[in-house]
Amino acid sequence: MQKATFEISGMSCGHCVKAVDKALQQAPGVTVEAVAIGSATVAFDESATTADVIAKVIDDAGYQVLNTR
């Protein structure tokens, strides 16, 4: 398992946190560790997905990934 933290723009409330969490929960191979306003930390199976794919899931939920660590 690989771990990544995404810095996310556009999150301003609990609804935003829930929306990102829900989107990440549905992504194959992703285990959500924490979602807060402005960030999300996940563990993921490299054979099932990549950090770029996870960033796209966040973007598709309506938020912008600024940085990945």
C-alpha atoms as a PDB file:
ATOM      1  CA  MET A   1       0.000   0.000   0.000  1.00  0.00           C
ATOM      2  CA  GLN A   2       1.126   3.492  -0.880  1.00  0.00           C
ATOM      3  CA  LYS A   3       0.101   6.549   1.144  1.00  0.00           C
ATOM      4  CA  ALA A   4      -0.615  10.045  -0.216  1.00  0.00           C
ATOM      5  CA  THR A   5      -1.926  13.337   1.121  1.00  0.00           C
ATOM      6  CA  PHE A   6      -3.727  15.651  -1.283  1.00  0.00           C
ATOM      7  CA  GLU A   7      -3.932  19.413  -0.717  1.00  0.00           C
ATOM      8  CA  ILE A   8      -7.368  20.416  -1.998  1.00  0.00           C
ATOM      9  CA  SER A   9      -8.805  23.803  -2.964  1.00  0.00           C
ATOM     10  CA  GLY A  10     -12.492  24.666  -2.831  1.00  0.00           C
ATOM     11  CA  MET A  11     -13.387  22.848   0.396  1.00  0.00           C
ATOM     12  CA  SER A  12     -15.018  25.173   2.911  1.00  0.00           C
ATOM     13  CA  CYS A  13     -17.472  23.185   5.026  1.00  0.00           C
ATOM     14  CA  GLY A  14     -18.548  19.810   6.366  1.00  0.00           C
ATOM     15  CA  HIS A  15     -20.532  19.118   3.204  1.00  0.00           C
ATOM     16  CA  CYS A  16     -17.319  19.466   1.181  1.00  0.00           C
ATOM     17  CA  VAL A  17     -15.534  17.043   3.484  1.00  0.00           C
ATOM     18  CA  LYS A  18     -18.367  14.510   3.114  1.00  0.00           C
ATOM     19  CA  ALA A  19     -18.430  14.901  -0.680  1.00  0.00           C
ATOM     20  CA  VAL A  20     -14.695  14.253  -1.018  1.00  0.00           C
ATOM     21  CA  ASP A  21     -14.827  11.375   1.477  1.00  0.00           C
ATOM     22  CA  LYS A  22     -17.719   9.744  -0.404  1.00  0.00           C
ATOM     23  CA  ALA A  23     -15.976  10.091  -3.770  1.00  0.00           C
ATOM     24  CA  LEU A  24     -12.759   8.583  -2.394  1.00  0.00           C
ATOM     25  CA  GLN A  25     -14.614   5.721  -0.671  1.00  0.00           C
ATOM     26  CA  GLN A  26     -15.986   4.678  -4.074  1.00  0.00           C
ATOM     27  CA  ALA A  27     -12.576   4.684  -5.792  1.00  0.00           C
ATOM     28  CA  PRO A  28     -11.194   1.149  -6.324  1.00  0.00           C
ATOM     29  CA  GLY A  29      -8.179   0.238  -4.215  1.00  0.00           C
ATOM     30  CA  VAL A  30      -8.445   3.342  -1.989  1.00  0.00           C
ATOM     31  CA  THR A  31      -8.671   3.352   1.808  1.00  0.00           C
ATOM     32  CA  VAL A  32      -9.538   6.782   3.210  1.00  0.00           C
ATOM     33  CA  GLU A  33      -7.493   7.628   6.298  1.00  0.00           C
ATOM     34  CA  ALA A  34      -8.605  11.239   6.881  1.00  0.00           C
ATOM     35  CA  VAL A  35     -10.479  14.011   5.110  1.00  0.00           C
ATOM     36  CA  ALA A  36     -10.524  17.569   6.448  1.00  0.00           C
ATOM     37  CA  ILE A  37     -11.158  20.977   4.948  1.00  0.00           C
ATOM     38  CA  GLY A  38      -8.305  21.432   2.503  1.00  0.00           C
ATOM     39  CA  SER A  39      -6.821  17.944   2.539  1.00  0.00           C
ATOM     40  CA  ALA A  40      -7.325  14.215   2.222  1.00  0.00           C
ATOM     41  CA  THR A  41      -4.990  11.401   3.224  1.00  0.00           C
ATOM     42  CA  VAL A  42      -5.462   7.966   1.677  1.00  0.00           C
ATOM     43  CA  ALA A  43      -3.729   4.635   1.379  1.00  0.00           C
ATOM     44  CA  PHE A  44      -4.035   2.931  -1.981  1.00  0.00           C
ATOM     45  CA  ASP A  45      -3.126  -0.291  -3.724  1.00  0.00           C
ATOM     46  CA  GLU A  46      -0.736   0.583  -6.568  1.00  0.00           C
ATOM     47  CA  SER A  47      -1.984  -2.386  -8.572  1.00  0.00           C
ATOM     48  CA  ALA A  48      -5.526  -0.931  -8.547  1.00  0.00           C
ATOM     49  CA  THR A  49      -4.972   2.832  -8.901  1.00  0.00           C
ATOM     50  CA  THR A  50      -2.481   5.714  -8.917  1.00  0.00           C
ATOM     51  CA  ALA A  51      -2.211   9.085  -7.178  1.00  0.00           C
ATOM     52  CA  ASP A  52      -3.108  10.754 -10.503  1.00  0.00           C
ATOM     53  CA  VAL A  53      -6.330   8.735 -10.757  1.00  0.00           C
ATOM     54  CA  ILE A  54      -7.208   9.610  -7.157  1.00  0.00           C
ATOM     55  CA  ALA A  55      -6.579  13.306  -7.909  1.00  0.00           C
ATOM     56  CA  LYS A  56      -8.994  13.006 -10.848  1.00  0.00           C
ATOM     57  CA  VAL A  57     -11.640  11.481  -8.538  1.00  0.00           C
ATOM     58  CA  ILE A  58     -11.298  14.545  -6.294  1.00  0.00           C
ATOM     59  CA  ASP A  59     -11.426  16.881  -9.312  1.00  0.00           C
ATOM     60  CA  ASP A  60     -14.529  15.075 -10.625  1.00  0.00           C
ATOM     61  CA  ALA A  61     -16.185  15.667  -7.219  1.00  0.00           C
ATOM     62  CA  GLY A  62     -15.813  19.397  -7.859  1.00  0.00           C
ATOM     63  CA  TYR A  63     -12.618  20.256  -6.001  1.00  0.00           C
ATOM     64  CA  GLN A  64      -9.105  21.056  -7.223  1.00  0.00           C
ATOM     65  CA  VAL A  65      -6.018  19.148  -6.134  1.00  0.00           C
ATOM     66  CA  LEU A  66      -3.210  21.657  -5.599  1.00  0.00           C
ATOM     67  CA  ASN A  67      -0.469  19.337  -4.405  1.00  0.00           C
ATOM     68  CA  THR A  68       0.170  15.685  -3.601  1.00  0.00           C
ATOM     69  CA  ARG A  69       2.640  14.479  -0.983  1.00  0.00           C
END
